[in-house]
Amino acid sequence: MNAYVEFRPEEQRKFPRKNATGIITLTPGNGARGYAGKMFNFSEGGMGLATDVPLNIMSQVHIEVAQSSDLPRSKRFKGRVVWSRNIHDLDSGIYRYGIKFVQPA
């Protein structure tokens, strides 16, 4: 008997994710230059976003909300890249990232 069984781990997020769109400014590390990006979702613990800036896993980033109906303008976050995908989306960016917030923001 050949049976295919798919095992998926249970949800591993500590905080519920909220789908939300917005325009953000992303600054890699302690750099002085910020880059435009697009937010897709956020939670108390992190954010999903896209941009054209190449980043390494565990890179530190600073995020500032430029426009969103879900978060206040100029809200700032500090985080680290925990996952990365090449998406090559002309509207969103070349890269999609998962950011885990670190304290202090």
N, C-alpha and C. Protein backbone atom coordinates (compact mmCIF):
# COMPACT_ATOMS: atom_id res chain seq x y z
N MET A 1 0.84 -1.18 0.00
CA MET A 1 0.00 0.00 0.00
C MET A 1 0.88 1.24 0.00
N ASN A 2 0.71 2.06 -0.98
CA ASN A 2 1.44 3.32 -1.07
C ASN A 2 0.52 4.44 -0.66
N ALA A 3 0.89 5.09 0.40
CA ALA A 3 0.08 6.22 0.87
C ALA A 3 1.00 7.41 1.11
N TYR A 4 0.56 8.52 0.67
CA TYR A 4 1.32 9.75 0.89
C TYR A 4 0.67 10.50 2.05
N VAL A 5 1.45 10.75 3.07
CA VAL A 5 0.95 11.48 4.22
C VAL A 5 1.81 12.72 4.40
N GLU A 6 1.17 13.85 4.47
CA GLU A 6 1.90 15.09 4.66
C GLU A 6 1.80 15.52 6.12
N PHE A 7 2.93 15.69 6.74
CA PHE A 7 2.97 16.13 8.13
C PHE A 7 3.41 17.58 8.16
N ARG A 8 2.63 18.41 8.76
CA ARG A 8 2.98 19.82 8.91
C ARG A 8 3.05 20.15 10.39
N PRO A 9 4.08 20.89 10.76
CA PRO A 9 4.13 21.29 12.17
C PRO A 9 3.01 22.27 12.48
N GLU A 10 2.60 22.28 13.72
CA GLU A 10 1.57 23.24 14.12
C GLU A 10 2.13 24.65 14.02
N GLU A 11 1.25 25.60 14.02
CA GLU A 11 1.64 27.01 13.94
C GLU A 11 2.75 27.30 14.93
N GLN A 12 3.82 27.96 14.45
CA GLN A 12 4.97 28.21 15.31
C GLN A 12 5.08 29.67 15.72
N ARG A 13 4.20 30.50 15.27
CA ARG A 13 4.27 31.91 15.64
C ARG A 13 3.79 32.11 17.07
N LYS A 14 4.47 32.99 17.78
CA LYS A 14 4.08 33.32 19.14
C LYS A 14 2.94 34.34 19.18
N PHE A 15 2.86 35.16 18.12
CA PHE A 15 1.87 36.23 18.08
C PHE A 15 1.03 36.11 16.81
N PRO A 16 -0.27 36.36 16.88
CA PRO A 16 -1.11 36.30 15.67
C PRO A 16 -0.69 37.38 14.66
N ARG A 17 -0.69 37.00 13.41
CA ARG A 17 -0.30 37.90 12.33
C ARG A 17 -1.54 38.61 11.79
N LYS A 18 -1.37 39.88 11.46
CA LYS A 18 -2.47 40.67 10.88
C LYS A 18 -2.06 41.09 9.48
N ASN A 19 -2.88 40.73 8.48
CA ASN A 19 -2.62 41.19 7.12
C ASN A 19 -2.84 42.69 7.06
N ALA A 20 -1.85 43.39 6.54
CA ALA A 20 -1.93 44.84 6.43
C ALA A 20 -0.95 45.29 5.38
N THR A 21 -1.33 46.29 4.62
CA THR A 21 -0.40 46.84 3.64
C THR A 21 0.01 48.23 4.06
N GLY A 22 1.18 48.61 3.59
CA GLY A 22 1.68 49.93 3.91
C GLY A 22 3.01 50.17 3.22
N ILE A 23 3.39 51.41 3.18
CA ILE A 23 4.68 51.80 2.63
C ILE A 23 5.62 52.04 3.80
N ILE A 24 6.82 51.47 3.73
CA ILE A 24 7.79 51.61 4.81
C ILE A 24 9.10 52.13 4.25
N THR A 25 9.93 52.64 5.14
CA THR A 25 11.32 52.96 4.82
C THR A 25 12.17 51.99 5.61
N LEU A 26 13.03 51.27 4.91
CA LEU A 26 13.89 50.26 5.52
C LEU A 26 15.34 50.74 5.46
N THR A 27 16.00 50.74 6.61
CA THR A 27 17.41 51.12 6.67
C THR A 27 18.20 49.92 7.17
N PRO A 28 19.10 49.38 6.34
CA PRO A 28 19.91 48.23 6.76
C PRO A 28 20.93 48.64 7.82
N GLY A 29 21.13 47.76 8.82
CA GLY A 29 22.15 47.99 9.85
C GLY A 29 22.05 49.36 10.46
N ASN A 30 23.19 49.98 10.61
CA ASN A 30 23.24 51.34 11.15
C ASN A 30 23.46 52.36 10.04
N GLY A 31 23.07 51.98 8.82
CA GLY A 31 23.27 52.84 7.66
C GLY A 31 22.50 54.14 7.74
N ALA A 32 22.95 55.09 6.97
CA ALA A 32 22.31 56.40 6.95
C ALA A 32 21.25 56.51 5.86
N ARG A 33 21.27 55.59 4.90
CA ARG A 33 20.34 55.66 3.78
C ARG A 33 19.17 54.70 3.97
N GLY A 34 17.96 55.21 3.77
CA GLY A 34 16.77 54.38 3.84
C GLY A 34 16.26 54.06 2.45
N TYR A 35 15.59 52.91 2.32
CA TYR A 35 15.07 52.43 1.04
C TYR A 35 13.57 52.18 1.17
N ALA A 36 12.85 52.41 0.09
CA ALA A 36 11.41 52.18 0.08
C ALA A 36 11.10 50.69 0.11
N GLY A 37 10.01 50.34 0.75
CA GLY A 37 9.55 48.96 0.80
C GLY A 37 8.06 48.91 1.01
N LYS A 38 7.52 47.70 0.95
CA LYS A 38 6.08 47.51 1.12
C LYS A 38 5.85 46.48 2.23
N MET A 39 5.00 46.83 3.19
CA MET A 39 4.64 45.94 4.29
C MET A 39 3.43 45.11 3.86
N PHE A 40 3.44 43.82 4.20
CA PHE A 40 2.33 42.93 3.88
C PHE A 40 1.57 42.47 5.12
N ASN A 41 2.27 42.31 6.22
CA ASN A 41 1.63 41.89 7.45
C ASN A 41 2.53 42.25 8.63
N PHE A 42 1.94 42.21 9.82
CA PHE A 42 2.73 42.46 11.02
C PHE A 42 2.08 41.77 12.21
N SER A 43 2.84 41.64 13.26
CA SER A 43 2.34 41.13 14.53
C SER A 43 3.13 41.83 15.62
N GLU A 44 2.86 41.47 16.84
CA GLU A 44 3.61 42.03 17.96
C GLU A 44 5.09 41.64 17.87
N GLY A 45 5.37 40.53 17.18
CA GLY A 45 6.74 40.02 17.14
C GLY A 45 7.50 40.24 15.85
N GLY A 46 6.83 40.70 14.77
CA GLY A 46 7.56 40.85 13.52
C GLY A 46 6.72 41.41 12.39
N MET A 47 7.32 41.39 11.19
CA MET A 47 6.69 41.99 10.02
C MET A 47 7.12 41.25 8.76
N GLY A 48 6.21 41.16 7.79
CA GLY A 48 6.53 40.65 6.46
C GLY A 48 6.58 41.83 5.51
N LEU A 49 7.65 41.93 4.71
CA LEU A 49 7.80 43.08 3.83
C LEU A 49 8.55 42.70 2.56
N ALA A 50 8.54 43.59 1.59
CA ALA A 50 9.27 43.40 0.33
C ALA A 50 9.99 44.69 -0.01
N THR A 51 11.15 44.54 -0.65
CA THR A 51 11.96 45.68 -1.07
C THR A 51 12.95 45.22 -2.13
N ASP A 52 13.64 46.16 -2.75
CA ASP A 52 14.67 45.83 -3.73
C ASP A 52 16.05 45.68 -3.10
N VAL A 53 16.17 45.89 -1.81
CA VAL A 53 17.46 45.86 -1.12
C VAL A 53 17.83 44.43 -0.74
N PRO A 54 19.01 43.93 -1.19
CA PRO A 54 19.44 42.60 -0.78
C PRO A 54 19.95 42.61 0.67
N LEU A 55 19.43 41.69 1.47
CA LEU A 55 19.82 41.58 2.88
C LEU A 55 20.17 40.14 3.21
N ASN A 56 21.08 39.95 4.14
CA ASN A 56 21.44 38.61 4.60
C ASN A 56 20.56 38.22 5.78
N ILE A 57 20.40 36.92 5.97
CA ILE A 57 19.70 36.41 7.15
C ILE A 57 20.44 36.90 8.38
N MET A 58 19.72 37.31 9.39
CA MET A 58 20.21 37.86 10.66
C MET A 58 20.74 39.29 10.54
N SER A 59 20.59 39.91 9.35
CA SER A 59 20.95 41.33 9.21
C SER A 59 20.02 42.16 10.07
N GLN A 60 20.57 43.19 10.70
CA GLN A 60 19.76 44.11 11.49
C GLN A 60 19.17 45.15 10.56
N VAL A 61 17.91 45.51 10.80
CA VAL A 61 17.24 46.54 10.00
C VAL A 61 16.45 47.47 10.92
N HIS A 62 16.26 48.69 10.43
CA HIS A 62 15.39 49.66 11.08
C HIS A 62 14.26 49.96 10.09
N ILE A 63 13.04 49.96 10.59
CA ILE A 63 11.86 50.15 9.74
C ILE A 63 11.07 51.34 10.28
N GLU A 64 10.65 52.21 9.37
CA GLU A 64 9.78 53.32 9.74
C GLU A 64 8.56 53.30 8.82
N VAL A 65 7.38 53.36 9.41
CA VAL A 65 6.14 53.36 8.63
C VAL A 65 5.96 54.73 7.99
N ALA A 66 5.84 54.74 6.66
CA ALA A 66 5.62 55.98 5.93
C ALA A 66 4.12 56.20 5.69
N GLN A 67 3.39 55.09 5.42
CA GLN A 67 1.96 55.20 5.16
C GLN A 67 1.31 53.85 5.41
N SER A 68 0.28 53.83 6.23
CA SER A 68 -0.46 52.60 6.50
C SER A 68 -1.77 52.96 7.19
N SER A 69 -2.82 52.22 6.87
CA SER A 69 -4.09 52.43 7.56
C SER A 69 -4.13 51.65 8.87
N ASP A 70 -3.12 50.78 9.10
CA ASP A 70 -3.12 49.93 10.29
C ASP A 70 -2.10 50.33 11.36
N LEU A 71 -1.08 51.08 10.99
CA LEU A 71 -0.06 51.51 11.92
C LEU A 71 0.13 53.02 11.81
N PRO A 72 0.48 53.67 12.91
CA PRO A 72 0.67 55.12 12.84
C PRO A 72 1.88 55.51 11.99
N ARG A 73 1.76 56.60 11.30
CA ARG A 73 2.87 57.13 10.49
C ARG A 73 4.05 57.43 11.42
N SER A 74 5.24 57.15 10.94
CA SER A 74 6.50 57.37 11.65
C SER A 74 6.74 56.36 12.78
N LYS A 75 5.88 55.34 12.92
CA LYS A 75 6.12 54.27 13.89
C LYS A 75 7.41 53.57 13.48
N ARG A 76 8.30 53.32 14.44
CA ARG A 76 9.61 52.72 14.15
C ARG A 76 9.75 51.35 14.79
N PHE A 77 10.47 50.48 14.08
CA PHE A 77 10.75 49.14 14.56
C PHE A 77 12.22 48.83 14.31
N LYS A 78 12.77 47.99 15.15
CA LYS A 78 14.13 47.49 14.96
C LYS A 78 14.01 45.97 14.93
N GLY A 79 14.66 45.33 13.95
CA GLY A 79 14.52 43.89 13.84
C GLY A 79 15.67 43.22 13.13
N ARG A 80 15.52 41.92 12.93
CA ARG A 80 16.50 41.11 12.21
C ARG A 80 15.78 40.27 11.16
N VAL A 81 16.45 40.07 10.03
CA VAL A 81 15.91 39.25 8.95
C VAL A 81 15.97 37.79 9.39
N VAL A 82 14.83 37.09 9.37
CA VAL A 82 14.81 35.67 9.76
C VAL A 82 14.54 34.74 8.58
N TRP A 83 13.98 35.27 7.49
CA TRP A 83 13.85 34.48 6.26
C TRP A 83 13.81 35.42 5.07
N SER A 84 14.12 34.85 3.91
CA SER A 84 14.23 35.65 2.69
C SER A 84 13.80 34.82 1.49
N ARG A 85 13.14 35.48 0.52
CA ARG A 85 12.76 34.83 -0.75
C ARG A 85 12.95 35.82 -1.88
N ASN A 86 13.40 35.34 -3.01
CA ASN A 86 13.43 36.17 -4.21
C ASN A 86 12.05 36.08 -4.84
N ILE A 87 11.40 37.24 -5.03
CA ILE A 87 10.06 37.22 -5.61
C ILE A 87 10.00 37.95 -6.95
N HIS A 88 10.94 38.85 -7.21
CA HIS A 88 11.02 39.60 -8.47
C HIS A 88 9.66 40.18 -8.87
N ASP A 89 9.00 40.84 -7.93
CA ASP A 89 7.71 41.46 -8.17
C ASP A 89 7.93 42.93 -8.52
N LEU A 90 7.52 43.34 -9.71
CA LEU A 90 7.75 44.71 -10.14
C LEU A 90 7.03 45.74 -9.28
N ASP A 91 5.92 45.35 -8.66
CA ASP A 91 5.17 46.28 -7.82
C ASP A 91 5.69 46.32 -6.38
N SER A 92 6.19 45.20 -5.87
CA SER A 92 6.57 45.13 -4.46
C SER A 92 8.07 45.21 -4.24
N GLY A 93 8.83 44.51 -5.04
CA GLY A 93 10.28 44.47 -4.86
C GLY A 93 10.84 43.15 -5.31
N ILE A 94 12.14 43.08 -5.32
CA ILE A 94 12.82 41.85 -5.74
C ILE A 94 12.81 40.80 -4.64
N TYR A 95 12.90 41.26 -3.39
CA TYR A 95 13.04 40.35 -2.25
C TYR A 95 11.88 40.50 -1.28
N ARG A 96 11.48 39.37 -0.70
CA ARG A 96 10.49 39.37 0.38
C ARG A 96 11.19 38.85 1.62
N TYR A 97 10.93 39.52 2.76
CA TYR A 97 11.61 39.19 4.01
C TYR A 97 10.64 39.01 5.16
N GLY A 98 11.04 38.16 6.09
CA GLY A 98 10.39 38.06 7.38
C GLY A 98 11.30 38.70 8.40
N ILE A 99 10.78 39.65 9.15
CA ILE A 99 11.55 40.38 10.13
C ILE A 99 11.05 40.03 11.53
N LYS A 100 11.97 39.73 12.42
CA LYS A 100 11.63 39.51 13.83
C LYS A 100 12.07 40.74 14.60
N PHE A 101 11.14 41.36 15.32
CA PHE A 101 11.48 42.57 16.07
C PHE A 101 12.40 42.24 17.23
N VAL A 102 13.30 43.18 17.52
CA VAL A 102 14.17 43.08 18.69
C VAL A 102 13.96 44.34 19.51
N GLN A 103 14.29 44.28 20.76
CA GLN A 103 14.10 45.44 21.64
C GLN A 103 15.44 46.04 21.99
N PRO A 104 15.54 47.33 22.22
CA PRO A 104 14.47 48.30 22.07
C PRO A 104 14.27 48.71 20.64
N ALA A 105 13.07 49.19 20.32
CA ALA A 105 12.76 49.61 18.94
C ALA A 105 13.37 50.95 18.63
